[in-house]
PDB file of all heavy atoms in Angstrom:
ATOM      1  N   PRO A   1       0.784  -1.235   0.003  1.00  0.00           N
ATOM      2  CA  PRO A   1      -0.005  -0.001  -0.001  1.00  0.00           C
ATOM      3  C   PRO A   1       0.810   1.280   0.009  1.00  0.00           C
ATOM      4  O   PRO A   1       0.446   2.262  -0.641  1.00  0.00           O
ATOM      5  CB  PRO A   1      -0.847  -0.136   1.275  1.00  0.00           C
ATOM      6  CG  PRO A   1      -1.051  -1.615   1.393  1.00  0.00           C
ATOM      7  CD  PRO A   1       0.259  -2.233   0.974  1.00  0.00           C
ATOM      8  N   ASP A   2       1.945   1.296   0.711  1.00  0.00           N
ATOM      9  CA  ASP A   2       2.690   2.560   0.793  1.00  0.00           C
ATOM     10  C   ASP A   2       3.381   2.930  -0.521  1.00  0.00           C
ATOM     11  O   ASP A   2       3.890   4.042  -0.671  1.00  0.00           O
ATOM     12  CB  ASP A   2       3.700   2.524   1.948  1.00  0.00           C
ATOM     13  CG  ASP A   2       4.789   1.480   1.777  1.00  0.00           C
ATOM     14  OD1 ASP A   2       4.747   0.730   0.761  1.00  0.00           O
ATOM     15  OD2 ASP A   2       5.656   1.380   2.658  1.00  0.00           O
ATOM     16  N   ALA A   3       3.364   2.005  -1.481  1.00  0.00           N
ATOM     17  CA  ALA A   3       3.910   2.299  -2.802  1.00  0.00           C
ATOM     18  C   ALA A   3       2.879   2.826  -3.781  1.00  0.00           C
ATOM     19  O   ALA A   3       3.183   3.085  -4.943  1.00  0.00           O
ATOM     20  CB  ALA A   3       4.588   1.052  -3.378  1.00  0.00           C
ATOM     21  N   LEU A   4       1.612   2.945  -3.314  1.00  0.00           N
ATOM     22  CA  LEU A   4       0.509   3.357  -4.171  1.00  0.00           C
ATOM     23  C   LEU A   4       0.084   4.780  -3.871  1.00  0.00           C
ATOM     24  O   LEU A   4       0.232   5.264  -2.760  1.00  0.00           O
ATOM     25  CB  LEU A   4      -0.697   2.439  -3.944  1.00  0.00           C
ATOM     26  CG  LEU A   4      -0.477   0.940  -4.132  1.00  0.00           C
ATOM     27  CD1 LEU A   4      -1.766   0.199  -3.838  1.00  0.00           C
ATOM     28  CD2 LEU A   4       0.008   0.603  -5.522  1.00  0.00           C
ATOM     29  N   SER A   5      -0.468   5.448  -4.878  1.00  0.00           N
ATOM     30  CA  SER A   5      -1.081   6.758  -4.661  1.00  0.00           C
ATOM     31  C   SER A   5      -2.382   6.576  -3.900  1.00  0.00           C
ATOM     32  O   SER A   5      -2.902   5.487  -3.748  1.00  0.00           O
ATOM     33  CB  SER A   5      -1.363   7.441  -6.018  1.00  0.00           C
ATOM     34  OG  SER A   5      -2.431   6.769  -6.682  1.00  0.00           O
ATOM     35  N   GLY A   6      -2.908   7.716  -3.432  1.00  0.00           N
ATOM     36  CA  GLY A   6      -4.183   7.656  -2.709  1.00  0.00           C
ATOM     37  C   GLY A   6      -5.299   7.093  -3.570  1.00  0.00           C
ATOM     38  O   GLY A   6      -6.115   6.281  -3.126  1.00  0.00           O
ATOM     39  N   GLY A   7      -5.329   7.503  -4.817  1.00  0.00           N
ATOM     40  CA  GLY A   7      -6.386   6.998  -5.724  1.00  0.00           C
ATOM     41  C   GLY A   7      -6.238   5.516  -5.954  1.00  0.00           C
ATOM     42  O   GLY A   7      -7.231   4.776  -6.041  1.00  0.00           O
ATOM     43  N   GLN A   8      -5.007   5.019  -6.060  1.00  0.00           N
ATOM     44  CA  GLN A   8      -4.771   3.605  -6.263  1.00  0.00           C
ATOM     45  C   GLN A   8      -5.164   2.829  -5.001  1.00  0.00           C
ATOM     46  O   GLN A   8      -5.797   1.760  -5.098  1.00  0.00           O
ATOM     47  CB  GLN A   8      -3.301   3.340  -6.596  1.00  0.00           C
ATOM     48  CG  GLN A   8      -2.912   3.825  -7.984  1.00  0.00           C
ATOM     49  CD  GLN A   8      -1.418   3.711  -8.234  1.00  0.00           C
ATOM     50  OE1 GLN A   8      -0.604   3.864  -7.318  1.00  0.00           O
ATOM     51  NE2 GLN A   8      -1.034   3.474  -9.473  1.00  0.00           N
ATOM     52  N   GLN A   9      -4.821   3.359  -3.835  1.00  0.00           N
ATOM     53  CA  GLN A   9      -5.204   2.671  -2.589  1.00  0.00           C
ATOM     54  C   GLN A   9      -6.723   2.582  -2.463  1.00  0.00           C
ATOM     55  O   GLN A   9      -7.251   1.582  -2.019  1.00  0.00           O
ATOM     56  CB  GLN A   9      -4.613   3.416  -1.396  1.00  0.00           C
ATOM     57  CG  GLN A   9      -3.109   3.274  -1.280  1.00  0.00           C
ATOM     58  CD  GLN A   9      -2.576   3.838   0.022  1.00  0.00           C
ATOM     59  OE1 GLN A   9      -2.979   3.416   1.115  1.00  0.00           O
ATOM     60  NE2 GLN A   9      -1.692   4.799  -0.067  1.00  0.00           N
ATOM     61  N   GLN A  10      -7.427   3.652  -2.836  1.00  0.00           N
ATOM     62  CA  GLN A  10      -8.877   3.626  -2.724  1.00  0.00           C
ATOM     63  C   GLN A  10      -9.480   2.638  -3.707  1.00  0.00           C
ATOM     64  O   GLN A  10     -10.468   1.971  -3.386  1.00  0.00           O
ATOM     65  CB  GLN A  10      -9.444   5.030  -2.922  1.00  0.00           C
ATOM     66  CG  GLN A  10     -10.905   5.190  -2.498  1.00  0.00           C
ATOM     67  CD  GLN A  10     -11.125   4.879  -1.030  1.00  0.00           C
ATOM     68  OE1 GLN A  10     -11.130   3.706  -0.627  1.00  0.00           O
ATOM     69  NE2 GLN A  10     -11.356   5.914  -0.225  1.00  0.00           N
ATOM     70  N   ARG A  11      -8.888   2.512  -4.895  1.00  0.00           N
ATOM     71  CA  ARG A  11      -9.398   1.513  -5.852  1.00  0.00           C
ATOM     72  C   ARG A  11      -9.137   0.105  -5.295  1.00  0.00           C
ATOM     73  O   ARG A  11      -9.976  -0.783  -5.471  1.00  0.00           O
ATOM     74  CB  ARG A  11      -8.708   1.695  -7.210  1.00  0.00           C
ATOM     75  CG  ARG A  11      -9.331   2.800  -8.059  1.00  0.00           C
ATOM     76  CD  ARG A  11      -8.727   2.903  -9.412  1.00  0.00           C
ATOM     77  NE  ARG A  11      -7.433   3.614  -9.363  1.00  0.00           N
ATOM     78  CZ  ARG A  11      -6.531   3.608 -10.319  1.00  0.00           C
ATOM     79  NH1 ARG A  11      -6.739   2.886 -11.429  1.00  0.00           N
ATOM     80  NH2 ARG A  11      -5.414   4.287 -10.217  1.00  0.00           N
ATOM     81  N   VAL A  12      -8.008  -0.119  -4.644  1.00  0.00           N
ATOM     82  CA  VAL A  12      -7.769  -1.411  -4.030  1.00  0.00           C
ATOM     83  C   VAL A  12      -8.791  -1.694  -2.911  1.00  0.00           C
ATOM     84  O   VAL A  12      -9.308  -2.792  -2.801  1.00  0.00           O
ATOM     85  CB  VAL A  12      -6.329  -1.493  -3.456  1.00  0.00           C
ATOM     86  CG1 VAL A  12      -6.133  -2.781  -2.645  1.00  0.00           C
ATOM     87  CG2 VAL A  12      -5.307  -1.437  -4.572  1.00  0.00           C
ATOM     88  N   ALA A  13      -9.107  -0.663  -2.123  1.00  0.00           N
ATOM     89  CA  ALA A  13     -10.124  -0.831  -1.068  1.00  0.00           C
ATOM     90  C   ALA A  13     -11.475  -1.212  -1.662  1.00  0.00           C
ATOM     91  O   ALA A  13     -12.199  -2.062  -1.119  1.00  0.00           O
ATOM     92  CB  ALA A  13     -10.239   0.449  -0.261  1.00  0.00           C
ATOM     93  N   LEU A  14     -11.818  -0.596  -2.806  1.00  0.00           N
ATOM     94  CA  LEU A  14     -13.042  -0.979  -3.502  1.00  0.00           C
ATOM     95  C   LEU A  14     -13.001  -2.417  -3.975  1.00  0.00           C
ATOM     96  O   LEU A  14     -13.970  -3.178  -3.809  1.00  0.00           O
ATOM     97  CB  LEU A  14     -13.305  -0.030  -4.682  1.00  0.00           C
ATOM     98  CG  LEU A  14     -13.961   1.310  -4.349  1.00  0.00           C
ATOM     99  CD1 LEU A  14     -13.801   2.264  -5.506  1.00  0.00           C
ATOM    100  CD2 LEU A  14     -15.445   1.106  -4.051  1.00  0.00           C
ATOM    101  N   VAL A  15     -11.889  -2.794  -4.589  1.00  0.00           N
ATOM    102  CA  VAL A  15     -11.754  -4.178  -5.071  1.00  0.00           C
ATOM    103  C   VAL A  15     -11.837  -5.165  -3.915  1.00  0.00           C
ATOM    104  O   VAL A  15     -12.471  -6.216  -4.030  1.00  0.00           O
ATOM    105  CB  VAL A  15     -10.427  -4.347  -5.837  1.00  0.00           C
ATOM    106  CG1 VAL A  15     -10.107  -5.835  -6.047  1.00  0.00           C
ATOM    107  CG2 VAL A  15     -10.486  -3.630  -7.184  1.00  0.00           C
ATOM    108  N   ARG A  16     -11.220  -4.810  -2.777  1.00  0.00           N
ATOM    109  CA  ARG A  16     -11.299  -5.710  -1.635  1.00  0.00           C
ATOM    110  C   ARG A  16     -12.741  -5.924  -1.190  1.00  0.00           C
ATOM    111  O   ARG A  16     -13.124  -7.054  -0.843  1.00  0.00           O
ATOM    112  CB  ARG A  16     -10.474  -5.121  -0.480  1.00  0.00           C
ATOM    113  CG  ARG A  16     -10.419  -6.017   0.773  1.00  0.00           C
ATOM    114  CD  ARG A  16      -9.511  -5.459   1.797  1.00  0.00           C
ATOM    115  NE  ARG A  16      -9.924  -4.158   2.302  1.00  0.00           N
ATOM    116  CZ  ARG A  16      -9.289  -3.488   3.278  1.00  0.00           C
ATOM    117  NH1 ARG A  16      -8.232  -4.024   3.838  1.00  0.00           N
ATOM    118  NH2 ARG A  16      -9.738  -2.323   3.673  1.00  0.00           N
ATOM    119  N   ALA A  17     -13.529  -4.890  -1.219  1.00  0.00           N
ATOM    120  CA  ALA A  17     -14.944  -5.040  -0.853  1.00  0.00           C
ATOM    121  C   ALA A  17     -15.702  -5.842  -1.885  1.00  0.00           C
ATOM    122  O   ALA A  17     -16.509  -6.715  -1.557  1.00  0.00           O
ATOM    123  CB  ALA A  17     -15.587  -3.670  -0.679  1.00  0.00           C
ATOM    124  N   ILE A  18     -15.470  -5.554  -3.178  1.00  0.00           N
ATOM    125  CA  ILE A  18     -16.163  -6.257  -4.230  1.00  0.00           C
ATOM    126  C   ILE A  18     -15.791  -7.730  -4.283  1.00  0.00           C
ATOM    127  O   ILE A  18     -16.631  -8.591  -4.613  1.00  0.00           O
ATOM    128  CB  ILE A  18     -15.843  -5.602  -5.607  1.00  0.00           C
ATOM    129  CG1 ILE A  18     -16.290  -4.116  -5.603  1.00  0.00           C
ATOM    130  CG2 ILE A  18     -16.552  -6.342  -6.741  1.00  0.00           C
ATOM    131  CD1 ILE A  18     -15.624  -3.336  -6.723  1.00  0.00           C
ATOM    132  N   ALA A  19     -14.542  -8.059  -3.939  1.00  0.00           N
ATOM    133  CA  ALA A  19     -14.098  -9.445  -3.990  1.00  0.00           C
ATOM    134  C   ALA A  19     -14.857 -10.335  -3.050  1.00  0.00           C
ATOM    135  O   ALA A  19     -14.923 -11.566  -3.233  1.00  0.00           O
ATOM    136  CB  ALA A  19     -12.595  -9.523  -3.654  1.00  0.00           C
ATOM    137  N   MET A  20     -15.503  -9.755  -2.036  1.00  0.00           N
ATOM    138  CA  MET A  20     -16.335 -10.537  -1.114  1.00  0.00           C
ATOM    139  C   MET A  20     -17.704 -10.837  -1.721  1.00  0.00           C
ATOM    140  O   MET A  20     -18.517 -11.518  -1.080  1.00  0.00           O
ATOM    141  CB  MET A  20     -16.502  -9.763   0.197  1.00  0.00           C
ATOM    142  CG  MET A  20     -15.257  -9.711   1.058  1.00  0.00           C
ATOM    143  SD  MET A  20     -14.893 -11.323   1.777  1.00  0.00           S
ATOM    144  CE  MET A  20     -16.248 -11.470   2.962  1.00  0.00           C
ATOM    145  N   GLN A  21     -17.948 -10.342  -2.929  1.00  0.00           N
ATOM    146  CA  GLN A  21     -19.206 -10.534  -3.643  1.00  0.00           C
ATOM    147  C   GLN A  21     -20.431 -10.148  -2.802  1.00  0.00           C
ATOM    148  O   GLN A  21     -21.357 -10.953  -2.623  1.00  0.00           O
ATOM    149  CB  GLN A  21     -19.310 -11.992  -4.111  1.00  0.00           C
ATOM    150  CG  GLN A  21     -18.164 -12.427  -4.992  1.00  0.00           C
ATOM    151  CD  GLN A  21     -18.282 -13.881  -5.446  1.00  0.00           C
ATOM    152  OE1 GLN A  21     -19.036 -14.200  -6.358  1.00  0.00           O
ATOM    153  NE2 GLN A  21     -17.523 -14.771  -4.821  1.00  0.00           N
ATOM    154  N   PRO A  22     -20.419  -8.918  -2.272  1.00  0.00           N
ATOM    155  CA  PRO A  22     -21.544  -8.492  -1.438  1.00  0.00           C
ATOM    156  C   PRO A  22     -22.773  -8.247  -2.303  1.00  0.00           C
ATOM    157  O   PRO A  22     -22.665  -7.951  -3.480  1.00  0.00           O
ATOM    158  CB  PRO A  22     -21.041  -7.188  -0.830  1.00  0.00           C
ATOM    159  CG  PRO A  22     -20.119  -6.632  -1.869  1.00  0.00           C
ATOM    160  CD  PRO A  22     -19.429  -7.849  -2.456  1.00  0.00           C
ATOM    161  N   ARG A  23     -23.919  -8.309  -1.688  1.00  0.00           N
ATOM    162  CA  ARG A  23     -25.148  -7.952  -2.400  1.00  0.00           C
ATOM    163  C   ARG A  23     -25.368  -6.463  -2.362  1.00  0.00           C
ATOM    164  O   ARG A  23     -26.041  -5.912  -3.215  1.00  0.00           O
ATOM    165  CB  ARG A  23     -26.334  -8.666  -1.744  1.00  0.00           C
ATOM    166  CG  ARG A  23     -26.243 -10.174  -1.801  1.00  0.00           C
ATOM    167  CD  ARG A  23     -27.555 -10.828  -1.502  1.00  0.00           C
ATOM    168  NE  ARG A  23     -28.598 -10.359  -2.407  1.00  0.00           N
ATOM    169  CZ  ARG A  23     -29.839 -10.018  -2.016  1.00  0.00           C
ATOM    170  NH1 ARG A  23     -30.160 -10.119  -0.737  1.00  0.00           N
ATOM    171  NH2 ARG A  23     -30.728  -9.582  -2.865  1.00  0.00           N
ATOM    172  N   LEU A  24     -24.811  -5.799  -1.364  1.00  0.00           N
ATOM    173  CA  LEU A  24     -24.998  -4.359  -1.166  1.00  0.00           C
ATOM    174  C   LEU A  24     -23.645  -3.730  -0.827  1.00  0.00           C
ATOM    175  O   LEU A  24     -22.889  -4.290  -0.044  1.00  0.00           O
ATOM    176  CB  LEU A  24     -25.973  -4.105  -0.006  1.00  0.00           C
ATOM    177  CG  LEU A  24     -26.137  -2.691   0.482  1.00  0.00           C
ATOM    178  CD1 LEU A  24     -26.790  -1.801  -0.565  1.00  0.00           C
ATOM    179  CD2 LEU A  24     -26.988  -2.680   1.757  1.00  0.00           C
ATOM    180  N   LEU A  25     -23.365  -2.589  -1.437  1.00  0.00           N
ATOM    181  CA  LEU A  25     -22.103  -1.893  -1.203  1.00  0.00           C
ATOM    182  C   LEU A  25     -22.386  -0.518  -0.624  1.00  0.00           C
ATOM    183  O   LEU A  25     -23.157   0.264  -1.177  1.00  0.00           O
ATOM    184  CB  LEU A  25     -21.315  -1.758  -2.517  1.00  0.00           C
ATOM    185  CG  LEU A  25     -19.884  -1.245  -2.429  1.00  0.00           C
ATOM    186  CD1 LEU A  25     -19.014  -2.157  -1.572  1.00  0.00           C
ATOM    187  CD2 LEU A  25     -19.281  -1.131  -3.834  1.00  0.00           C
ATOM    188  N   LEU A  26     -21.763  -0.222   0.532  1.00  0.00           N
ATOM    189  CA  LEU A  26     -21.897   1.066   1.190  1.00  0.00           C
ATOM    190  C   LEU A  26     -20.591   1.820   1.034  1.00  0.00           C
ATOM    191  O   LEU A  26     -19.504   1.281   1.299  1.00  0.00           O
ATOM    192  CB  LEU A  26     -22.186   0.881   2.700  1.00  0.00           C
ATOM    193  CG  LEU A  26     -23.353  -0.047   3.044  1.00  0.00           C
ATOM    194  CD1 LEU A  26     -23.417  -0.223   4.565  1.00  0.00           C
ATOM    195  CD2 LEU A  26     -24.669   0.461   2.490  1.00  0.00           C
TER     196      LEU A  26
END
């Protein structure tokens, strides 16, 4: 993470949430 820009880290955070295959995303 410390090698990524803020925008890249936030996209990773989104991918981490999506990877759980949630029915609802907050």
